[in-house]
Amino acid sequence: MSPRWQRTQDVLAEVLHERGRQRARYGENDDLENGTGPYVRWLEPLSPAAAKYIEHDLRTSYEAHEARHGKPTWRHLVLEEVAEAFQESDPGRLREEVLQVAALCVSWLEKLAGPLPEETPKHRVRLLGTGAWNCRDCVAHGQERNEAAAMAAAEAHALHPERD
C-alpha cells in the first residue's frame, strides 16, 4: 500500500474514532432537521443573507484569492463546499454535497498530518507518460513497470541501502 493510501486510512480511522465518541456523547441525532435550503440564513446573527447569496459571495472570494495567489486556501475550499451544502434542500443532492465536504475535510486532515516520509531520489517512484511507473534505479536499466511492480521494486531497493 502506498504511503498516501496509508495516510488516508489512518485519517479515516481517526474520523471513525471521533464518530464513535460523538455517538457516545450525543446519540444518533436522528430527530434533527437538516436546516438547509437556498433561503436559510445560516450566518445569522453575523449576516442576514440567504444561503444562495452566501455561497455566491464565498465562491467570488475563493476565485478572487485564486486569481491573486494562484490557488485557494483550505479555508476557501471548505467554506465554499459547506455553503453549497447549506443551500441544498433536495435530500439526494444534499447528501452528495455533504459527502464532498467530508472528503475534502479528510484531505485537509491528511495535509495537517504533515509530510509523508520522503523517499530518497534513487528510490522515488514517479509517474511517466501514460500511467507507467518507474523506480528511478530501474529507469537506468530501461525497465518500465506498472504501479504495483514499481512499488515492490522501490521497497526491494529500500532493503538494500548499499545501493545508495
N, C-alpha and C. Protein backbone atom coordinates (compact mmCIF):
# COMPACT_ATOMS: atom_id res chain seq x y z
N MET A 1 0.84 -1.17 0.00
CA MET A 1 0.00 0.00 0.00
C MET A 1 0.90 1.24 0.00
N SER A 2 0.54 2.22 -0.82
CA SER A 2 1.35 3.43 -0.90
C SER A 2 1.23 4.24 0.39
N PRO A 3 2.24 5.05 0.70
CA PRO A 3 2.17 5.90 1.90
C PRO A 3 0.95 6.83 1.89
N ARG A 4 0.57 7.31 0.71
CA ARG A 4 -0.60 8.20 0.63
C ARG A 4 -1.88 7.48 1.03
N TRP A 5 -2.08 6.23 0.54
CA TRP A 5 -3.28 5.48 0.91
C TRP A 5 -3.24 5.09 2.37
N GLN A 6 -2.06 4.81 2.90
CA GLN A 6 -1.95 4.51 4.33
C GLN A 6 -2.33 5.73 5.14
N ARG A 7 -1.89 6.90 4.70
CA ARG A 7 -2.26 8.15 5.39
C ARG A 7 -3.77 8.32 5.38
N THR A 8 -4.42 8.07 4.23
CA THR A 8 -5.88 8.19 4.14
C THR A 8 -6.55 7.23 5.11
N GLN A 9 -6.07 5.99 5.15
CA GLN A 9 -6.66 5.01 6.07
C GLN A 9 -6.49 5.44 7.52
N ASP A 10 -5.34 6.00 7.85
CA ASP A 10 -5.09 6.46 9.22
C ASP A 10 -6.06 7.58 9.59
N VAL A 11 -6.25 8.53 8.67
CA VAL A 11 -7.18 9.65 8.92
C VAL A 11 -8.60 9.13 9.05
N LEU A 12 -9.01 8.21 8.18
CA LEU A 12 -10.36 7.66 8.27
C LEU A 12 -10.56 6.90 9.58
N ALA A 13 -9.52 6.25 10.08
CA ALA A 13 -9.62 5.58 11.38
C ALA A 13 -9.83 6.62 12.49
N GLU A 14 -9.15 7.77 12.39
CA GLU A 14 -9.36 8.84 13.36
C GLU A 14 -10.79 9.38 13.28
N VAL A 15 -11.30 9.54 12.06
CA VAL A 15 -12.67 10.02 11.87
C VAL A 15 -13.65 9.01 12.49
N LEU A 16 -13.42 7.74 12.25
CA LEU A 16 -14.28 6.70 12.81
C LEU A 16 -14.26 6.75 14.34
N HIS A 17 -13.09 6.93 14.91
CA HIS A 17 -12.97 7.04 16.36
C HIS A 17 -13.75 8.26 16.87
N GLU A 18 -13.59 9.39 16.21
CA GLU A 18 -14.31 10.61 16.61
C GLU A 18 -15.81 10.42 16.47
N ARG A 19 -16.24 9.74 15.42
CA ARG A 19 -17.67 9.49 15.24
C ARG A 19 -18.21 8.62 16.37
N GLY A 20 -17.44 7.65 16.81
CA GLY A 20 -17.83 6.84 17.96
C GLY A 20 -17.94 7.67 19.23
N ARG A 21 -17.00 8.58 19.42
CA ARG A 21 -17.04 9.47 20.58
C ARG A 21 -18.30 10.35 20.53
N GLN A 22 -18.62 10.91 19.34
CA GLN A 22 -19.81 11.73 19.20
C GLN A 22 -21.08 10.92 19.48
N ARG A 23 -21.13 9.71 18.95
CA ARG A 23 -22.30 8.86 19.16
C ARG A 23 -22.49 8.57 20.65
N ALA A 24 -21.40 8.30 21.35
CA ALA A 24 -21.50 8.02 22.78
C ALA A 24 -21.96 9.26 23.55
N ARG A 25 -21.52 10.41 23.14
CA ARG A 25 -21.87 11.64 23.87
C ARG A 25 -23.24 12.19 23.50
N TYR A 26 -23.59 12.18 22.19
CA TYR A 26 -24.80 12.85 21.73
C TYR A 26 -25.88 11.91 21.22
N GLY A 27 -25.58 10.64 21.06
CA GLY A 27 -26.54 9.71 20.49
C GLY A 27 -26.57 9.82 18.98
N GLU A 28 -27.66 9.36 18.38
CA GLU A 28 -27.76 9.32 16.92
C GLU A 28 -28.22 10.63 16.29
N ASN A 29 -28.93 11.45 17.02
CA ASN A 29 -29.45 12.72 16.48
C ASN A 29 -30.35 12.53 15.28
N ASP A 30 -31.05 11.41 15.23
CA ASP A 30 -31.95 11.11 14.10
C ASP A 30 -33.13 12.06 14.02
N ASP A 31 -33.42 12.78 15.09
CA ASP A 31 -34.58 13.66 15.11
C ASP A 31 -34.27 15.09 14.66
N LEU A 32 -33.04 15.37 14.29
CA LEU A 32 -32.66 16.72 13.86
C LEU A 32 -33.09 16.99 12.42
N GLU A 33 -33.52 18.21 12.16
CA GLU A 33 -33.82 18.66 10.81
C GLU A 33 -32.50 18.98 10.10
N ASN A 34 -32.51 18.96 8.78
CA ASN A 34 -31.31 19.34 8.02
C ASN A 34 -31.01 20.83 8.19
N GLY A 35 -32.05 21.65 8.18
CA GLY A 35 -31.85 23.10 8.36
C GLY A 35 -31.16 23.75 7.18
N THR A 36 -31.32 23.19 5.99
CA THR A 36 -30.66 23.73 4.80
C THR A 36 -31.70 24.19 3.79
N GLY A 37 -31.24 24.88 2.77
CA GLY A 37 -32.10 25.34 1.69
C GLY A 37 -31.60 26.68 1.19
N PRO A 38 -32.03 27.08 -0.01
CA PRO A 38 -31.48 28.29 -0.63
C PRO A 38 -31.76 29.57 0.15
N TYR A 39 -32.80 29.59 0.98
CA TYR A 39 -33.14 30.82 1.69
C TYR A 39 -32.87 30.76 3.19
N VAL A 40 -32.16 29.72 3.63
CA VAL A 40 -31.78 29.61 5.03
C VAL A 40 -30.73 30.67 5.32
N ARG A 41 -30.88 31.34 6.44
CA ARG A 41 -29.93 32.38 6.84
C ARG A 41 -28.95 31.75 7.85
N TRP A 42 -28.00 31.01 7.35
CA TRP A 42 -27.12 30.22 8.21
C TRP A 42 -26.00 31.02 8.86
N LEU A 43 -25.81 32.26 8.48
CA LEU A 43 -24.78 33.06 9.13
C LEU A 43 -25.36 34.05 10.13
N GLU A 44 -26.68 33.95 10.42
CA GLU A 44 -27.25 34.83 11.44
C GLU A 44 -26.62 34.49 12.78
N PRO A 45 -26.29 35.41 13.58
CA PRO A 45 -26.58 36.84 13.52
C PRO A 45 -25.52 37.66 12.80
N LEU A 46 -24.52 37.01 12.21
CA LEU A 46 -23.45 37.76 11.54
C LEU A 46 -23.91 38.39 10.22
N SER A 47 -24.81 37.72 9.53
CA SER A 47 -25.30 38.20 8.25
C SER A 47 -26.74 37.72 8.05
N PRO A 48 -27.60 38.62 7.54
CA PRO A 48 -28.98 38.20 7.25
C PRO A 48 -29.12 37.56 5.87
N ALA A 49 -28.01 37.39 5.16
CA ALA A 49 -28.06 36.88 3.78
C ALA A 49 -28.53 35.43 3.75
N ALA A 50 -29.24 35.08 2.67
CA ALA A 50 -29.70 33.72 2.45
C ALA A 50 -28.56 32.86 1.90
N ALA A 51 -28.68 31.56 2.08
CA ALA A 51 -27.64 30.61 1.72
C ALA A 51 -27.17 30.77 0.28
N LYS A 52 -28.10 30.96 -0.67
CA LYS A 52 -27.67 31.04 -2.07
C LYS A 52 -26.79 32.26 -2.32
N TYR A 53 -27.01 33.34 -1.58
CA TYR A 53 -26.18 34.54 -1.75
C TYR A 53 -24.84 34.38 -1.04
N ILE A 54 -24.86 33.72 0.10
CA ILE A 54 -23.61 33.46 0.82
C ILE A 54 -22.69 32.59 -0.03
N GLU A 55 -23.26 31.54 -0.62
CA GLU A 55 -22.46 30.64 -1.46
C GLU A 55 -21.84 31.43 -2.61
N HIS A 56 -22.63 32.30 -3.23
CA HIS A 56 -22.12 33.12 -4.34
C HIS A 56 -20.97 34.00 -3.86
N ASP A 57 -21.13 34.66 -2.71
CA ASP A 57 -20.09 35.54 -2.19
C ASP A 57 -18.82 34.76 -1.82
N LEU A 58 -19.00 33.58 -1.23
CA LEU A 58 -17.83 32.77 -0.88
C LEU A 58 -17.10 32.28 -2.13
N ARG A 59 -17.87 31.91 -3.16
CA ARG A 59 -17.25 31.48 -4.42
C ARG A 59 -16.47 32.64 -5.06
N THR A 60 -17.06 33.83 -5.01
CA THR A 60 -16.39 35.02 -5.56
C THR A 60 -15.09 35.29 -4.81
N SER A 61 -15.12 35.17 -3.48
CA SER A 61 -13.92 35.36 -2.67
C SER A 61 -12.87 34.32 -3.00
N TYR A 62 -13.30 33.07 -3.13
CA TYR A 62 -12.42 31.95 -3.49
C TYR A 62 -11.75 32.25 -4.83
N GLU A 63 -12.53 32.62 -5.83
CA GLU A 63 -11.99 32.86 -7.18
C GLU A 63 -11.06 34.06 -7.20
N ALA A 64 -11.37 35.11 -6.44
CA ALA A 64 -10.51 36.29 -6.38
C ALA A 64 -9.17 35.93 -5.73
N HIS A 65 -9.22 35.16 -4.65
CA HIS A 65 -7.98 34.74 -3.99
C HIS A 65 -7.15 33.87 -4.93
N GLU A 66 -7.82 32.96 -5.61
CA GLU A 66 -7.13 32.08 -6.55
C GLU A 66 -6.49 32.88 -7.69
N ALA A 67 -7.18 33.91 -8.18
CA ALA A 67 -6.63 34.73 -9.25
C ALA A 67 -5.39 35.50 -8.77
N ARG A 68 -5.41 35.96 -7.52
CA ARG A 68 -4.28 36.73 -6.99
C ARG A 68 -3.11 35.84 -6.60
N HIS A 69 -3.40 34.67 -6.05
CA HIS A 69 -2.34 33.84 -5.45
C HIS A 69 -2.07 32.53 -6.18
N GLY A 70 -2.85 32.22 -7.21
CA GLY A 70 -2.63 31.02 -7.99
C GLY A 70 -3.33 29.77 -7.49
N LYS A 71 -3.77 29.80 -6.24
CA LYS A 71 -4.51 28.67 -5.68
C LYS A 71 -5.28 29.14 -4.46
N PRO A 72 -6.34 28.40 -4.10
CA PRO A 72 -7.12 28.78 -2.92
C PRO A 72 -6.45 28.28 -1.64
N THR A 73 -7.03 28.63 -0.51
CA THR A 73 -6.60 28.07 0.77
C THR A 73 -7.59 26.96 1.14
N TRP A 74 -7.22 26.17 2.14
CA TRP A 74 -8.15 25.16 2.63
C TRP A 74 -9.43 25.81 3.14
N ARG A 75 -9.29 26.98 3.79
CA ARG A 75 -10.47 27.70 4.28
C ARG A 75 -11.41 28.02 3.14
N HIS A 76 -10.87 28.53 2.04
CA HIS A 76 -11.71 28.84 0.87
C HIS A 76 -12.44 27.60 0.37
N LEU A 77 -11.70 26.50 0.24
CA LEU A 77 -12.30 25.26 -0.28
C LEU A 77 -13.43 24.76 0.61
N VAL A 78 -13.15 24.67 1.91
CA VAL A 78 -14.14 24.11 2.83
C VAL A 78 -15.35 25.03 2.95
N LEU A 79 -15.12 26.34 3.10
CA LEU A 79 -16.25 27.26 3.22
C LEU A 79 -17.16 27.19 1.99
N GLU A 80 -16.56 27.15 0.83
CA GLU A 80 -17.36 27.12 -0.40
C GLU A 80 -18.16 25.83 -0.50
N GLU A 81 -17.55 24.70 -0.13
CA GLU A 81 -18.26 23.42 -0.18
C GLU A 81 -19.37 23.35 0.87
N VAL A 82 -19.11 23.87 2.07
CA VAL A 82 -20.14 23.89 3.11
C VAL A 82 -21.29 24.79 2.66
N ALA A 83 -20.96 25.91 2.05
CA ALA A 83 -22.01 26.82 1.57
C ALA A 83 -22.88 26.15 0.51
N GLU A 84 -22.26 25.36 -0.36
CA GLU A 84 -23.04 24.62 -1.36
C GLU A 84 -23.99 23.65 -0.68
N ALA A 85 -23.51 22.97 0.35
CA ALA A 85 -24.37 22.03 1.08
C ALA A 85 -25.51 22.76 1.78
N PHE A 86 -25.20 23.89 2.43
CA PHE A 86 -26.22 24.60 3.20
C PHE A 86 -27.34 25.17 2.33
N GLN A 87 -27.07 25.41 1.06
CA GLN A 87 -28.13 25.95 0.22
C GLN A 87 -28.99 24.86 -0.43
N GLU A 88 -28.62 23.60 -0.21
CA GLU A 88 -29.32 22.48 -0.86
C GLU A 88 -30.53 22.03 -0.04
N SER A 89 -31.67 21.89 -0.69
CA SER A 89 -32.86 21.40 0.01
C SER A 89 -33.25 19.98 -0.43
N ASP A 90 -32.80 19.54 -1.60
CA ASP A 90 -33.08 18.19 -2.07
C ASP A 90 -32.20 17.20 -1.28
N PRO A 91 -32.81 16.21 -0.60
CA PRO A 91 -32.02 15.29 0.23
C PRO A 91 -30.91 14.55 -0.52
N GLY A 92 -31.17 14.12 -1.74
CA GLY A 92 -30.14 13.41 -2.51
C GLY A 92 -28.96 14.31 -2.85
N ARG A 93 -29.24 15.51 -3.31
CA ARG A 93 -28.15 16.44 -3.63
C ARG A 93 -27.45 16.92 -2.37
N LEU A 94 -28.22 17.09 -1.28
CA LEU A 94 -27.60 17.48 0.00
C LEU A 94 -26.61 16.41 0.44
N ARG A 95 -26.99 15.15 0.31
CA ARG A 95 -26.09 14.05 0.69
C ARG A 95 -24.81 14.10 -0.14
N GLU A 96 -24.93 14.33 -1.45
CA GLU A 96 -23.75 14.44 -2.31
C GLU A 96 -22.84 15.58 -1.86
N GLU A 97 -23.44 16.72 -1.53
CA GLU A 97 -22.64 17.88 -1.10
C GLU A 97 -21.95 17.61 0.24
N VAL A 98 -22.68 17.00 1.19
CA VAL A 98 -22.08 16.70 2.49
C VAL A 98 -20.95 15.68 2.33
N LEU A 99 -21.11 14.72 1.44
CA LEU A 99 -20.05 13.75 1.16
C LEU A 99 -18.82 14.47 0.61
N GLN A 100 -19.02 15.44 -0.26
CA GLN A 100 -17.89 16.21 -0.80
C GLN A 100 -17.19 16.99 0.31
N VAL A 101 -17.98 17.56 1.24
CA VAL A 101 -17.38 18.26 2.39
C VAL A 101 -16.55 17.29 3.22
N ALA A 102 -17.11 16.11 3.49
CA ALA A 102 -16.40 15.11 4.30
C ALA A 102 -15.09 14.70 3.63
N ALA A 103 -15.12 14.42 2.33
CA ALA A 103 -13.91 14.00 1.61
C ALA A 103 -12.88 15.12 1.61
N LEU A 104 -13.33 16.36 1.43
CA LEU A 104 -12.42 17.49 1.45
C LEU A 104 -11.77 17.64 2.82
N CYS A 105 -12.56 17.47 3.88
CA CYS A 105 -12.01 17.56 5.23
C CYS A 105 -11.02 16.44 5.52
N VAL A 106 -11.26 15.25 4.98
CA VAL A 106 -10.29 14.15 5.12
C VAL A 106 -8.99 14.55 4.42
N SER A 107 -9.10 15.15 3.25
CA SER A 107 -7.91 15.60 2.53
C SER A 107 -7.14 16.64 3.34
N TRP A 108 -7.85 17.56 3.98
CA TRP A 108 -7.21 18.58 4.80
C TRP A 108 -6.53 17.93 6.00
N LEU A 109 -7.20 16.97 6.63
CA LEU A 109 -6.59 16.26 7.75
C LEU A 109 -5.32 15.53 7.33
N GLU A 110 -5.32 14.95 6.12
CA GLU A 110 -4.12 14.30 5.60
C GLU A 110 -2.98 15.31 5.50
N LYS A 111 -3.29 16.49 5.02
CA LYS A 111 -2.27 17.54 4.88
C LYS A 111 -1.77 17.97 6.26
N LEU A 112 -2.70 18.12 7.23
CA LEU A 112 -2.32 18.54 8.58
C LEU A 112 -1.48 17.51 9.30
N ALA A 113 -1.53 16.26 8.86
CA ALA A 113 -0.72 15.21 9.47
C ALA A 113 0.77 15.39 9.18
N GLY A 114 1.09 16.27 8.26
CA GLY A 114 2.49 16.54 7.95
C GLY A 114 2.92 15.82 6.69
N PRO A 115 4.13 16.10 6.26
CA PRO A 115 4.62 15.48 5.02
C PRO A 115 4.80 13.98 5.18
N LEU A 116 4.65 13.31 4.08
CA LEU A 116 4.91 11.88 4.05
C LEU A 116 6.40 11.65 4.18
N PRO A 117 6.80 10.49 4.72
CA PRO A 117 8.24 10.21 4.79
C PRO A 117 8.84 10.31 3.38
N GLU A 118 9.90 11.05 3.28
CA GLU A 118 10.50 11.26 1.96
C GLU A 118 11.25 10.03 1.51
N GLU A 119 11.10 9.73 0.25
CA GLU A 119 11.87 8.66 -0.36
C GLU A 119 13.17 9.28 -0.87
N THR A 120 14.23 8.51 -0.87
CA THR A 120 15.46 9.03 -1.45
C THR A 120 15.26 9.14 -2.95
N PRO A 121 15.92 10.09 -3.61
CA PRO A 121 15.73 10.24 -5.05
C PRO A 121 15.99 8.95 -5.82
N LYS A 122 16.91 8.12 -5.35
CA LYS A 122 17.22 6.89 -6.05
C LYS A 122 16.04 5.92 -6.03
N HIS A 123 15.24 5.97 -4.98
CA HIS A 123 14.15 5.03 -4.82
C HIS A 123 12.78 5.63 -5.15
N ARG A 124 12.77 6.87 -5.57
CA ARG A 124 11.50 7.54 -5.85
C ARG A 124 10.77 6.85 -7.00
N VAL A 125 9.48 6.65 -6.81
CA VAL A 125 8.63 6.09 -7.85
C VAL A 125 7.87 7.26 -8.44
N ARG A 126 7.93 7.42 -9.74
CA ARG A 126 7.28 8.58 -10.35
C ARG A 126 6.48 8.18 -11.57
N LEU A 127 5.47 8.97 -11.85
CA LEU A 127 4.61 8.72 -12.98
C LEU A 127 5.28 9.23 -14.25
N LEU A 128 5.31 8.40 -15.25
CA LEU A 128 5.88 8.79 -16.53
C LEU A 128 4.84 8.59 -17.63
N GLY A 129 4.58 9.61 -18.41
CA GLY A 129 3.70 9.47 -19.57
C GLY A 129 2.30 9.02 -19.23
N THR A 130 1.90 7.90 -19.76
CA THR A 130 0.51 7.47 -19.67
C THR A 130 0.31 6.38 -18.63
N GLY A 131 0.65 6.67 -17.40
CA GLY A 131 0.36 5.74 -16.33
C GLY A 131 1.46 4.74 -16.01
N ALA A 132 2.58 4.78 -16.72
CA ALA A 132 3.68 3.87 -16.39
C ALA A 132 4.43 4.42 -15.19
N TRP A 133 4.74 3.57 -14.24
CA TRP A 133 5.52 3.97 -13.07
C TRP A 133 6.90 3.36 -13.20
N ASN A 134 7.87 4.05 -12.66
CA ASN A 134 9.24 3.56 -12.71
C ASN A 134 9.94 3.80 -11.39
N CYS A 135 10.73 2.86 -11.01
CA CYS A 135 11.66 3.08 -9.92
C CYS A 135 12.86 3.75 -10.56
N ARG A 136 13.36 4.81 -9.98
CA ARG A 136 14.44 5.56 -10.61
C ARG A 136 15.65 4.68 -10.89
N ASP A 137 15.94 3.75 -9.97
CA ASP A 137 17.06 2.86 -10.16
C ASP A 137 16.84 1.96 -11.37
N CYS A 138 15.58 1.56 -11.60
CA CYS A 138 15.26 0.68 -12.71
C CYS A 138 15.22 1.42 -14.04
N VAL A 139 14.98 2.73 -14.00
CA VAL A 139 14.92 3.51 -15.23
C VAL A 139 16.25 3.44 -15.96
N ALA A 140 17.33 3.45 -15.16
CA ALA A 140 18.66 3.37 -15.77
C ALA A 140 18.82 2.09 -16.58
N HIS A 141 18.11 1.06 -16.19
CA HIS A 141 18.15 -0.21 -16.91
C HIS A 141 17.03 -0.34 -17.91
N GLY A 142 16.21 0.73 -18.06
CA GLY A 142 15.13 0.72 -19.04
C GLY A 142 13.97 -0.19 -18.71
N GLN A 143 13.76 -0.48 -17.45
CA GLN A 143 12.69 -1.39 -17.06
C GLN A 143 11.45 -0.60 -16.64
N GLU A 144 10.52 -0.41 -17.56
CA GLU A 144 9.25 0.22 -17.20
C GLU A 144 8.40 -0.78 -16.45
N ARG A 145 7.66 -0.29 -15.46
CA ARG A 145 6.87 -1.18 -14.62
C ARG A 145 5.49 -0.57 -14.39
N ASN A 146 4.55 -1.40 -14.04
CA ASN A 146 3.26 -0.86 -13.62
C ASN A 146 3.39 -0.41 -12.17
N GLU A 147 2.35 0.22 -11.62
CA GLU A 147 2.44 0.79 -10.29
C GLU A 147 2.79 -0.24 -9.23
N ALA A 148 2.12 -1.38 -9.22
CA ALA A 148 2.37 -2.40 -8.20
C ALA A 148 3.81 -2.90 -8.28
N ALA A 149 4.29 -3.17 -9.48
CA ALA A 149 5.66 -3.65 -9.64
C ALA A 149 6.66 -2.58 -9.23
N ALA A 150 6.36 -1.33 -9.56
CA ALA A 150 7.27 -0.25 -9.21
C ALA A 150 7.35 -0.07 -7.70
N MET A 151 6.19 -0.17 -7.02
CA MET A 151 6.19 -0.04 -5.56
C MET A 151 6.98 -1.19 -4.94
N ALA A 152 6.81 -2.39 -5.47
CA ALA A 152 7.56 -3.54 -4.96
C ALA A 152 9.05 -3.34 -5.20
N ALA A 153 9.40 -2.82 -6.37
CA ALA A 153 10.82 -2.56 -6.67
C ALA A 153 11.39 -1.52 -5.73
N ALA A 154 10.62 -0.46 -5.45
CA ALA A 154 11.10 0.58 -4.55
C ALA A 154 11.32 0.01 -3.15
N GLU A 155 10.39 -0.84 -2.69
CA GLU A 155 10.56 -1.46 -1.38
C GLU A 155 11.77 -2.37 -1.38
N ALA A 156 11.99 -3.13 -2.45
CA ALA A 156 13.15 -4.01 -2.54
C ALA A 156 14.44 -3.20 -2.50
N HIS A 157 14.47 -2.08 -3.21
CA HIS A 157 15.66 -1.23 -3.22
C HIS A 157 15.91 -0.65 -1.83
N ALA A 158 14.82 -0.31 -1.12
CA ALA A 158 14.96 0.25 0.22
C ALA A 158 15.59 -0.76 1.17
N LEU A 159 15.46 -2.05 0.86
CA LEU A 159 16.06 -3.08 1.70
C LEU A 159 17.56 -3.24 1.44
N HIS A 160 18.05 -2.57 0.41
CA HIS A 160 19.47 -2.68 0.04
C HIS A 160 20.10 -1.30 0.07
N PRO A 161 20.36 -0.73 1.28
CA PRO A 161 20.93 0.62 1.34
C PRO A 161 22.32 0.72 0.74
N GLU A 162 23.00 -0.41 0.54
CA GLU A 162 24.34 -0.36 -0.06
C GLU A 162 24.28 0.17 -1.49
N ARG A 163 23.07 0.23 -2.09
CA ARG A 163 22.96 0.76 -3.45
C ARG A 163 23.06 2.26 -3.47
N ASP A 164 22.91 2.91 -2.33
CA ASP A 164 22.94 4.38 -2.29
C ASP A 164 24.31 4.93 -2.54
